[in-house]
C-alpha atoms as a PDB file:
ATOM      1  CA  UNK A   1      29.569  74.589  59.548  1.00  0.00           C
ATOM      2  CA  UNK A   2      27.953  76.555  56.744  1.00  0.00           C
ATOM      3  CA  UNK A   3      24.442  75.705  55.733  1.00  0.00           C
ATOM      4  CA  UNK A   4      24.327  74.068  52.337  1.00  0.00           C
ATOM      5  CA  UNK A   5      21.260  74.511  50.178  1.00  0.00           C
ATOM      6  CA  UNK A   6      20.416  71.599  47.915  1.00  0.00           C
ATOM      7  CA  UNK A   7      16.677  72.036  47.505  1.00  0.00           C
ATOM      8  CA  UNK A   8      15.129  73.258  44.321  1.00  0.00           C
ATOM      9  CA  UNK A   9      16.640  75.276  41.505  1.00  0.00           C
ATOM     10  CA  UNK A  10      19.048  78.177  41.822  1.00  0.00           C
ATOM     11  CA  UNK A  11      16.202  80.651  42.298  1.00  0.00           C
ATOM     12  CA  UNK A  12      15.530  79.278  45.743  1.00  0.00           C
ATOM     13  CA  UNK A  13      19.041  78.189  46.666  1.00  0.00           C
ATOM     14  CA  UNK A  14      19.235  80.879  49.389  1.00  0.00           C
ATOM     15  CA  UNK A  15      16.321  79.373  51.305  1.00  0.00           C
ATOM     16  CA  UNK A  16      17.679  78.242  54.696  1.00  0.00           C
ATOM     17  CA  UNK A  17      17.389  74.598  55.620  1.00  0.00           C
ATOM     18  CA  UNK A  18      18.037  72.699  58.852  1.00  0.00           C
ATOM     19  CA  UNK A  19      20.772  70.075  58.849  1.00  0.00           C
ATOM     20  CA  UNK A  20      22.478  67.929  61.488  1.00  0.00           C
ATOM     21  CA  UNK A  21      25.616  65.867  61.458  1.00  0.00           C
ATOM     22  CA  UNK A  22      25.668  62.153  62.110  1.00  0.00           C
ATOM     23  CA  UNK A  23      28.797  61.509  64.139  1.00  0.00           C
ATOM     24  CA  UNK A  24      29.005  57.839  63.311  1.00  0.00           C
ATOM     25  CA  UNK A  25      28.501  58.054  59.570  1.00  0.00           C
ATOM     26  CA  UNK A  26      30.277  61.402  59.130  1.00  0.00           C
ATOM     27  CA  UNK A  27      27.504  62.676  56.899  1.00  0.00           C
ATOM     28  CA  UNK A  28      25.184  65.563  57.040  1.00  0.00           C
ATOM     29  CA  UNK A  29      21.517  64.717  56.580  1.00  0.00           C
ATOM     30  CA  UNK A  30      18.797  66.973  55.461  1.00  0.00           C
ATOM     31  CA  UNK A  31      15.894  67.321  57.890  1.00  0.00           C
ATOM     32  CA  UNK A  32      13.744  69.867  56.258  1.00  0.00           C
ATOM     33  CA  UNK A  33      13.543  71.670  52.970  1.00  0.00           C
ATOM     34  CA  UNK A  34      11.774  74.788  51.984  1.00  0.00           C
ATOM     35  CA  UNK A  35       8.587  74.382  49.989  1.00  0.00           C
ATOM     36  CA  UNK A  36       8.311  70.739  51.120  1.00  0.00           C
ATOM     37  CA  UNK A  37      10.952  69.383  48.727  1.00  0.00           C
ATOM     38  CA  UNK A  38      12.509  65.954  49.003  1.00  0.00           C
ATOM     39  CA  UNK A  39      15.252  65.556  51.628  1.00  0.00           C
ATOM     40  CA  UNK A  40      18.568  64.472  50.137  1.00  0.00           C
ATOM     41  CA  UNK A  41      21.794  63.486  51.999  1.00  0.00           C
ATOM     42  CA  UNK A  42      24.794  65.783  51.618  1.00  0.00           C
ATOM     43  CA  UNK A  43      28.399  64.697  51.974  1.00  0.00           C
ATOM     44  CA  UNK A  44      29.805  66.733  54.841  1.00  0.00           C
ATOM     45  CA  UNK A  45      33.342  66.722  53.516  1.00  0.00           C
ATOM     46  CA  UNK A  46      33.104  67.283  49.814  1.00  0.00           C
ATOM     47  CA  UNK A  47      29.802  69.117  49.924  1.00  0.00           C
ATOM     48  CA  UNK A  48      28.456  67.048  47.080  1.00  0.00           C
ATOM     49  CA  UNK A  49      25.623  64.602  46.697  1.00  0.00           C
ATOM     50  CA  UNK A  50      26.706  60.962  47.055  1.00  0.00           C
ATOM     51  CA  UNK A  51      25.708  58.327  44.537  1.00  0.00           C
ATOM     52  CA  UNK A  52      22.089  57.449  45.088  1.00  0.00           C
ATOM     53  CA  UNK A  53      20.462  54.076  44.791  1.00  0.00           C
ATOM     54  CA  UNK A  54      17.768  53.625  42.188  1.00  0.00           C
ATOM     55  CA  UNK A  55      14.375  54.267  43.626  1.00  0.00           C
ATOM     56  CA  UNK A  56      12.238  51.129  43.052  1.00  0.00           C
ATOM     57  CA  UNK A  57       9.150  53.328  42.995  1.00  0.00           C
ATOM     58  CA  UNK A  58      10.535  55.690  40.397  1.00  0.00           C
ATOM     59  CA  UNK A  59       8.368  55.442  37.254  1.00  0.00           C
ATOM     60  CA  UNK A  60      10.114  53.819  34.324  1.00  0.00           C
ATOM     61  CA  UNK A  61      10.255  55.293  30.901  1.00  0.00           C
ATOM     62  CA  UNK A  62       6.909  54.592  29.322  1.00  0.00           C
ATOM     63  CA  UNK A  63       6.622  53.093  25.861  1.00  0.00           C
ATOM     64  CA  UNK A  64       3.008  54.093  25.674  1.00  0.00           C
ATOM     65  CA  UNK A  65       1.652  56.980  23.742  1.00  0.00           C
ATOM     66  CA  UNK A  66       0.128  60.148  25.123  1.00  0.00           C
ATOM     67  CA  UNK A  67      -3.298  58.536  25.243  1.00  0.00           C
ATOM     68  CA  UNK A  68      -2.021  55.635  27.368  1.00  0.00           C
ATOM     69  CA  UNK A  69      -1.933  53.169  24.486  1.00  0.00           C
ATOM     70  CA  UNK A  70       1.045  51.650  22.767  1.00  0.00           C
ATOM     71  CA  UNK A  71       1.638  53.135  19.366  1.00  0.00           C
ATOM     72  CA  UNK A  72       0.643  50.494  16.831  1.00  0.00           C
ATOM     73  CA  UNK A  73       3.051  49.767  14.029  1.00  0.00           C
ATOM     74  CA  UNK A  74       1.143  49.867  10.769  1.00  0.00           C
ATOM     75  CA  UNK A  75       2.092  46.960   8.493  1.00  0.00           C
ATOM     76  CA  UNK A  76       0.612  45.832   5.147  1.00  0.00           C
ATOM     77  CA  UNK A  77       1.249  45.077   1.487  1.00  0.00           C
ATOM     78  CA  UNK A  78       2.181  47.503  -1.176  1.00  0.00           C
ATOM     79  CA  UNK A  79       0.324  47.486  -4.469  1.00  0.00           C
ATOM     80  CA  UNK A  80       3.360  45.974  -6.195  1.00  0.00           C
ATOM     81  CA  UNK A  81       3.600  43.129  -3.675  1.00  0.00           C
ATOM     82  CA  UNK A  82      -0.108  42.414  -4.038  1.00  0.00           C
ATOM     83  CA  UNK A  83       0.139  42.311  -7.853  1.00  0.00           C
ATOM     84  CA  UNK A  84       3.102  39.916  -7.692  1.00  0.00           C
ATOM     85  CA  UNK A  85       1.222  37.632  -5.284  1.00  0.00           C
ATOM     86  CA  UNK A  86      -1.841  37.528  -7.533  1.00  0.00           C
ATOM     87  CA  UNK A  87       0.326  36.790 -10.588  1.00  0.00           C
ATOM     88  CA  UNK A  88       2.085  33.876  -8.848  1.00  0.00           C
ATOM     89  CA  UNK A  89      -1.253  32.522  -7.622  1.00  0.00           C
ATOM     90  CA  UNK A  90      -2.655  32.689 -11.156  1.00  0.00           C
ATOM     91  CA  UNK A  91       0.313  30.742 -12.531  1.00  0.00           C
ATOM     92  CA  UNK A  92      -0.045  28.041  -9.874  1.00  0.00           C
ATOM     93  CA  UNK A  93      -3.773  27.694 -10.533  1.00  0.00           C
ATOM     94  CA  UNK A  94      -3.162  27.524 -14.279  1.00  0.00           C
ATOM     95  CA  UNK A  95      -0.807  24.596 -13.726  1.00  0.00           C
ATOM     96  CA  UNK A  96      -2.741  22.845 -10.969  1.00  0.00           C
ATOM     97  CA  UNK A  97      -6.352  22.950 -12.211  1.00  0.00           C
ATOM     98  CA  UNK A  98      -5.776  21.051 -15.505  1.00  0.00           C
ATOM     99  CA  UNK A  99      -3.733  18.441 -13.662  1.00  0.00           C
ATOM    100  CA  UNK A 100      -6.497  18.017 -11.098  1.00  0.00           C
ATOM    101  CA  UNK A 101      -9.134  17.623 -13.825  1.00  0.00           C
ATOM    102  CA  UNK A 102      -6.987  14.998 -15.503  1.00  0.00           C
ATOM    103  CA  UNK A 103      -6.696  13.079 -12.232  1.00  0.00           C
ATOM    104  CA  UNK A 104     -10.479  13.166 -11.815  1.00  0.00           C
ATOM    105  CA  UNK A 105     -11.013  11.818 -15.342  1.00  0.00           C
ATOM    106  CA  UNK A 106      -8.477   9.038 -14.835  1.00  0.00           C
ATOM    107  CA  UNK A 107     -10.140   8.025 -11.576  1.00  0.00           C
ATOM    108  CA  UNK A 108     -13.552   7.878 -13.263  1.00  0.00           C
ATOM    109  CA  UNK A 109     -12.182   5.737 -16.089  1.00  0.00           C
ATOM    110  CA  UNK A 110     -10.495   3.379 -13.633  1.00  0.00           C
ATOM    111  CA  UNK A 111     -13.631   3.122 -11.498  1.00  0.00           C
ATOM    112  CA  UNK A 112     -15.920   2.406 -14.461  1.00  0.00           C
ATOM    113  CA  UNK A 113     -13.495  -0.136 -15.912  1.00  0.00           C
ATOM    114  CA  UNK A 114     -13.218  -1.899 -12.572  1.00  0.00           C
ATOM    115  CA  UNK A 115     -16.997  -2.164 -12.319  1.00  0.00           C
ATOM    116  CA  UNK A 116     -17.235  -3.888 -15.701  1.00  0.00           C
ATOM    117  CA  UNK A 117     -14.340  -6.192 -14.808  1.00  0.00           C
ATOM    118  CA  UNK A 118     -16.009  -7.005 -11.495  1.00  0.00           C
ATOM    119  CA  UNK A 119     -19.306  -7.824 -13.219  1.00  0.00           C
ATOM    120  CA  UNK A 120     -17.653 -10.222 -15.670  1.00  0.00           C
ATOM    121  CA  UNK A 121     -15.570 -11.871 -12.946  1.00  0.00           C
ATOM    122  CA  UNK A 122     -18.597 -12.257 -10.661  1.00  0.00           C
ATOM    123  CA  UNK A 123     -20.709 -13.741 -13.431  1.00  0.00           C
ATOM    124  CA  UNK A 124     -18.048 -16.341 -14.146  1.00  0.00           C
ATOM    125  CA  UNK A 125     -17.541 -17.108 -10.460  1.00  0.00           C
ATOM    126  CA  UNK A 126     -21.274 -17.526  -9.817  1.00  0.00           C
ATOM    127  CA  UNK A 127     -21.644 -19.790 -12.835  1.00  0.00           C
ATOM    128  CA  UNK A 128     -18.889 -22.067 -11.557  1.00  0.00           C
ATOM    129  CA  UNK A 129     -20.209 -21.988  -7.981  1.00  0.00           C
ATOM    130  CA  UNK A 130     -23.805 -22.725  -8.948  1.00  0.00           C
ATOM    131  CA  UNK A 131     -22.945 -25.075 -11.795  1.00  0.00           C
ATOM    132  CA  UNK A 132     -25.373 -23.310 -14.109  1.00  0.00           C
ATOM    133  CA  UNK A 133     -25.488 -20.510 -16.632  1.00  0.00           C
ATOM    134  CA  UNK A 134     -25.136 -16.903 -15.480  1.00  0.00           C
ATOM    135  CA  UNK A 135     -25.860 -14.045 -17.869  1.00  0.00           C
ATOM    136  CA  UNK A 136     -24.299 -10.587 -18.039  1.00  0.00           C
ATOM    137  CA  UNK A 137     -26.543  -8.205 -19.965  1.00  0.00           C
ATOM    138  CA  UNK A 138     -27.498  -4.510 -20.304  1.00  0.00           C
ATOM    139  CA  UNK A 139     -30.437  -3.352 -18.193  1.00  0.00           C
ATOM    140  CA  UNK A 140     -33.727  -2.309 -19.725  1.00  0.00           C
ATOM    141  CA  UNK A 141     -34.174   1.402 -18.775  1.00  0.00           C
ATOM    142  CA  UNK A 142     -37.937   0.880 -18.474  1.00  0.00           C
ATOM    143  CA  UNK A 143     -37.691  -2.295 -16.394  1.00  0.00           C
ATOM    144  CA  UNK A 144     -34.498  -2.705 -14.366  1.00  0.00           C
ATOM    145  CA  UNK A 145     -35.345  -6.350 -13.672  1.00  0.00           C
ATOM    146  CA  UNK A 146     -35.102  -7.232 -17.364  1.00  0.00           C
ATOM    147  CA  UNK A 147     -32.350  -7.273 -19.977  1.00  0.00           C
ATOM    148  CA  UNK A 148     -32.813  -4.661 -22.666  1.00  0.00           C
ATOM    149  CA  UNK A 149     -32.217  -7.091 -25.531  1.00  0.00           C
ATOM    150  CA  UNK A 150     -30.103  -4.394 -27.188  1.00  0.00           C
ATOM    151  CA  UNK A 151     -26.406  -3.646 -27.228  1.00  0.00           C
ATOM    152  CA  UNK A 152     -26.848  -0.453 -25.222  1.00  0.00           C
ATOM    153  CA  UNK A 153     -24.605  -0.884 -22.188  1.00  0.00           C
ATOM    154  CA  UNK A 154     -24.875   2.794 -21.236  1.00  0.00           C
ATOM    155  CA  UNK A 155     -28.068   2.116 -19.269  1.00  0.00           C
ATOM    156  CA  UNK A 156     -26.167  -0.081 -16.812  1.00  0.00           C
ATOM    157  CA  UNK A 157     -25.953  -3.875 -16.591  1.00  0.00           C
ATOM    158  CA  UNK A 158     -26.715  -6.795 -14.334  1.00  0.00           C
ATOM    159  CA  UNK A 159     -25.944 -10.461 -13.847  1.00  0.00           C
ATOM    160  CA  UNK A 160     -28.576 -13.098 -13.146  1.00  0.00           C
ATOM    161  CA  UNK A 161     -28.893 -16.849 -12.879  1.00  0.00           C
ATOM    162  CA  UNK A 162     -30.549 -18.163 -16.026  1.00  0.00           C
ATOM    163  CA  UNK A 163     -32.784 -20.956 -14.792  1.00  0.00           C
ATOM    164  CA  UNK A 164     -35.412 -22.709 -16.864  1.00  0.00           C
ATOM    165  CA  UNK A 165     -38.315 -20.319 -17.171  1.00  0.00           C
ATOM    166  CA  UNK A 166     -37.972 -16.582 -16.677  1.00  0.00           C
ATOM    167  CA  UNK A 167     -39.904 -16.706 -13.410  1.00  0.00           C
ATOM    168  CA  UNK A 168     -37.060 -18.727 -11.870  1.00  0.00           C
ATOM    169  CA  UNK A 169     -34.299 -16.287 -12.820  1.00  0.00           C
ATOM    170  CA  UNK A 170     -32.412 -14.826  -9.871  1.00  0.00           C
ATOM    171  CA  UNK A 171     -30.824 -11.386 -10.180  1.00  0.00           C
ATOM    172  CA  UNK A 172     -27.466 -11.364  -8.430  1.00  0.00           C
ATOM    173  CA  UNK A 173     -26.411  -7.741  -8.807  1.00  0.00           C
ATOM    174  CA  UNK A 174     -27.032  -4.572 -10.842  1.00  0.00           C
ATOM    175  CA  UNK A 175     -24.659  -1.773 -11.794  1.00  0.00           C
ATOM    176  CA  UNK A 176     -25.697   1.862 -12.386  1.00  0.00           C
ATOM    177  CA  UNK A 177     -25.555   3.776 -15.631  1.00  0.00           C
ATOM    178  CA  UNK A 178     -22.016   4.833 -16.592  1.00  0.00           C
ATOM    179  CA  UNK A 179     -23.481   8.060 -17.973  1.00  0.00           C
ATOM    180  CA  UNK A 180     -23.851   9.290 -14.387  1.00  0.00           C
ATOM    181  CA  UNK A 181     -20.069   9.616 -14.385  1.00  0.00           C
ATOM    182  CA  UNK A 182     -19.927  11.032 -17.917  1.00  0.00           C
ATOM    183  CA  UNK A 183     -18.664   7.694 -19.178  1.00  0.00           C
ATOM    184  CA  UNK A 184     -19.676   5.432 -22.065  1.00  0.00           C
ATOM    185  CA  UNK A 185     -19.445   1.648 -22.466  1.00  0.00           C
ATOM    186  CA  UNK A 186     -19.764   0.195 -25.966  1.00  0.00           C
ATOM    187  CA  UNK A 187     -19.552  -3.345 -27.255  1.00  0.00           C
ATOM    188  CA  UNK A 188     -17.332  -3.709 -30.304  1.00  0.00           C
ATOM    189  CA  UNK A 189     -19.428  -6.693 -31.506  1.00  0.00           C
ATOM    190  CA  UNK A 190     -22.804  -5.165 -30.593  1.00  0.00           C
ATOM    191  CA  UNK A 191     -23.445  -7.964 -28.113  1.00  0.00           C
ATOM    192  CA  UNK A 192     -26.629  -7.734 -26.081  1.00  0.00           C
ATOM    193  CA  UNK A 193     -25.480 -10.314 -23.495  1.00  0.00           C
ATOM    194  CA  UNK A 194     -22.686 -12.664 -22.464  1.00  0.00           C
ATOM    195  CA  UNK A 195     -23.499 -16.080 -21.007  1.00  0.00           C
ATOM    196  CA  UNK A 196     -21.132 -18.008 -18.715  1.00  0.00           C
ATOM    197  CA  UNK A 197     -21.391 -21.782 -18.420  1.00  0.00           C
ATOM    198  CA  UNK A 198     -20.938 -23.834 -15.301  1.00  0.00           C
ATOM    199  CA  UNK A 199     -17.307 -24.564 -16.230  1.00  0.00           C
ATOM    200  CA  UNK A 200     -16.459 -20.820 -16.394  1.00  0.00           C
ATOM    201  CA  UNK A 201     -16.311 -20.533 -20.171  1.00  0.00           C
ATOM    202  CA  UNK A 202     -18.562 -18.347 -22.303  1.00  0.00           C
ATOM    203  CA  UNK A 203     -20.861 -19.103 -25.184  1.00  0.00           C
ATOM    204  CA  UNK A 204     -18.814 -16.896 -27.532  1.00  0.00           C
ATOM    205  CA  UNK A 205     -17.278 -19.896 -29.278  1.00  0.00           C
ATOM    206  CA  UNK A 206     -13.810 -21.390 -29.318  1.00  0.00           C
ATOM    207  CA  UNK A 207     -11.070 -18.874 -30.015  1.00  0.00           C
ATOM    208  CA  UNK A 208     -13.414 -15.905 -30.015  1.00  0.00           C
ATOM    209  CA  UNK A 209     -13.357 -12.857 -27.813  1.00  0.00           C
ATOM    210  CA  UNK A 210     -15.349  -9.702 -27.406  1.00  0.00           C
ATOM    211  CA  UNK A 211     -14.304  -6.216 -26.388  1.00  0.00           C
ATOM    212  CA  UNK A 212     -15.916  -3.326 -24.553  1.00  0.00           C
ATOM    213  CA  UNK A 213     -14.611   0.225 -24.888  1.00  0.00           C
ATOM    214  CA  UNK A 214     -14.847   2.270 -21.699  1.00  0.00           C
ATOM    215  CA  UNK A 215     -14.254   5.970 -22.282  1.00  0.00           C
ATOM    216  CA  UNK A 216     -15.363   9.426 -21.109  1.00  0.00           C
ATOM    217  CA  UNK A 217     -18.012  11.162 -23.172  1.00  0.00           C
ATOM    218  CA  UNK A 218     -16.434  12.718 -26.319  1.00  0.00           C
ATOM    219  CA  UNK A 219     -16.107  16.259 -24.970  1.00  0.00           C
ATOM    220  CA  UNK A 220     -14.104  14.947 -22.002  1.00  0.00           C
ATOM    221  CA  UNK A 221     -12.080  12.261 -23.773  1.00  0.00           C
ATOM    222  CA  UNK A 222      -9.047  14.264 -24.883  1.00  0.00           C
ATOM    223  CA  UNK A 223      -6.055  12.623 -23.183  1.00  0.00           C
ATOM    224  CA  UNK A 224      -3.733  10.162 -24.948  1.00  0.00           C
ATOM    225  CA  UNK A 225      -4.713   6.636 -23.956  1.00  0.00           C
ATOM    226  CA  UNK A 226      -7.711   8.156 -22.211  1.00  0.00           C
ATOM    227  CA  UNK A 227      -9.895   5.073 -22.695  1.00  0.00           C
ATOM    228  CA  UNK A 228      -9.821   1.393 -21.756  1.00  0.00           C
ATOM    229  CA  UNK A 229     -10.565  -1.847 -23.609  1.00  0.00           C
ATOM    230  CA  UNK A 230     -12.090  -4.633 -21.536  1.00  0.00           C
ATOM    231  CA  UNK A 231     -11.564  -7.969 -23.287  1.00  0.00           C
ATOM    232  CA  UNK A 232     -13.573 -11.094 -22.465  1.00  0.00           C
ATOM    233  CA  UNK A 233     -12.197 -14.294 -23.938  1.00  0.00           C
ATOM    234  CA  UNK A 234     -14.124 -17.444 -24.810  1.00  0.00           C
ATOM    235  CA  UNK A 235     -12.557 -19.116 -21.781  1.00  0.00           C
ATOM    236  CA  UNK A 236     -14.200 -16.474 -19.567  1.00  0.00           C
ATOM    237  CA  UNK A 237     -11.017 -14.688 -18.602  1.00  0.00           C
ATOM    238  CA  UNK A 238     -11.173 -10.893 -18.620  1.00  0.00           C
ATOM    239  CA  UNK A 239      -8.534  -8.150 -18.740  1.00  0.00           C
ATOM    240  CA  UNK A 240      -8.214  -4.421 -19.458  1.00  0.00           C
ATOM    241  CA  UNK A 241      -5.738  -2.419 -21.532  1.00  0.00           C
ATOM    242  CA  UNK A 242      -5.265   1.262 -22.344  1.00  0.00           C
ATOM    243  CA  UNK A 243      -6.291   2.732 -25.670  1.00  0.00           C
ATOM    244  CA  UNK A 244      -6.884   6.083 -27.329  1.00  0.00           C
ATOM    245  CA  UNK A 245     -10.246   7.790 -27.154  1.00  0.00           C
ATOM    246  CA  UNK A 246     -12.637   6.598 -29.850  1.00  0.00           C
ATOM    247  CA  UNK A 247     -13.093   9.005 -32.736  1.00  0.00           C
ATOM    248  CA  UNK A 248     -16.525  10.422 -33.380  1.00  0.00           C
ATOM    249  CA  UNK A 249     -18.340   9.661 -36.591  1.00  0.00           C
END
């Protein structure tokens, strides 16, 4: 049987090799190859190489670069995309910031109004509970334990039990200055105090009422109905309604 050369390229095809025939399998197997090349089986009949199984140790096609590192895909924004993003962000901020400021102002107005309502309601409740007069008045900025004697409610206010003799007066609670929240509280009748009797009524007189205007300081009071009116009736009942910001002189 002629020797078949299957090792190496055509330049060394004439190099003799040793082969033997397997009688059971009917195939010729390569025993040795010149220059130490890999031994490959040869079909004895057709003289061709049979289909070979994939070598599990054969290196796969590498997706890594020459330096042994995967080539990084560079991704980013173009100048046009960046400009569009900044423009959209500016529009959203222009819409959102004024709305947020308005919400903050409304919350401050509501909080300050609720504090004045709470003070009036507590004064009435304490007067009924104690069966004696309880006074709601502005605080003296120089002596927080005393009423100011003036209609300046922007220094804060307090309620106290008006017993006979000032030394027997009992302060129930104080409230801080509304100016700390950039708010103002003004009495429409320039009252320097409101006194509640033991039956819950006030000393305002039958059929009378007094009002307090709660509003942000002028430079911040710009919204329609941006202020509140707190009304205290002669019966002692209190309520709040919306109103426009007061006009400056």
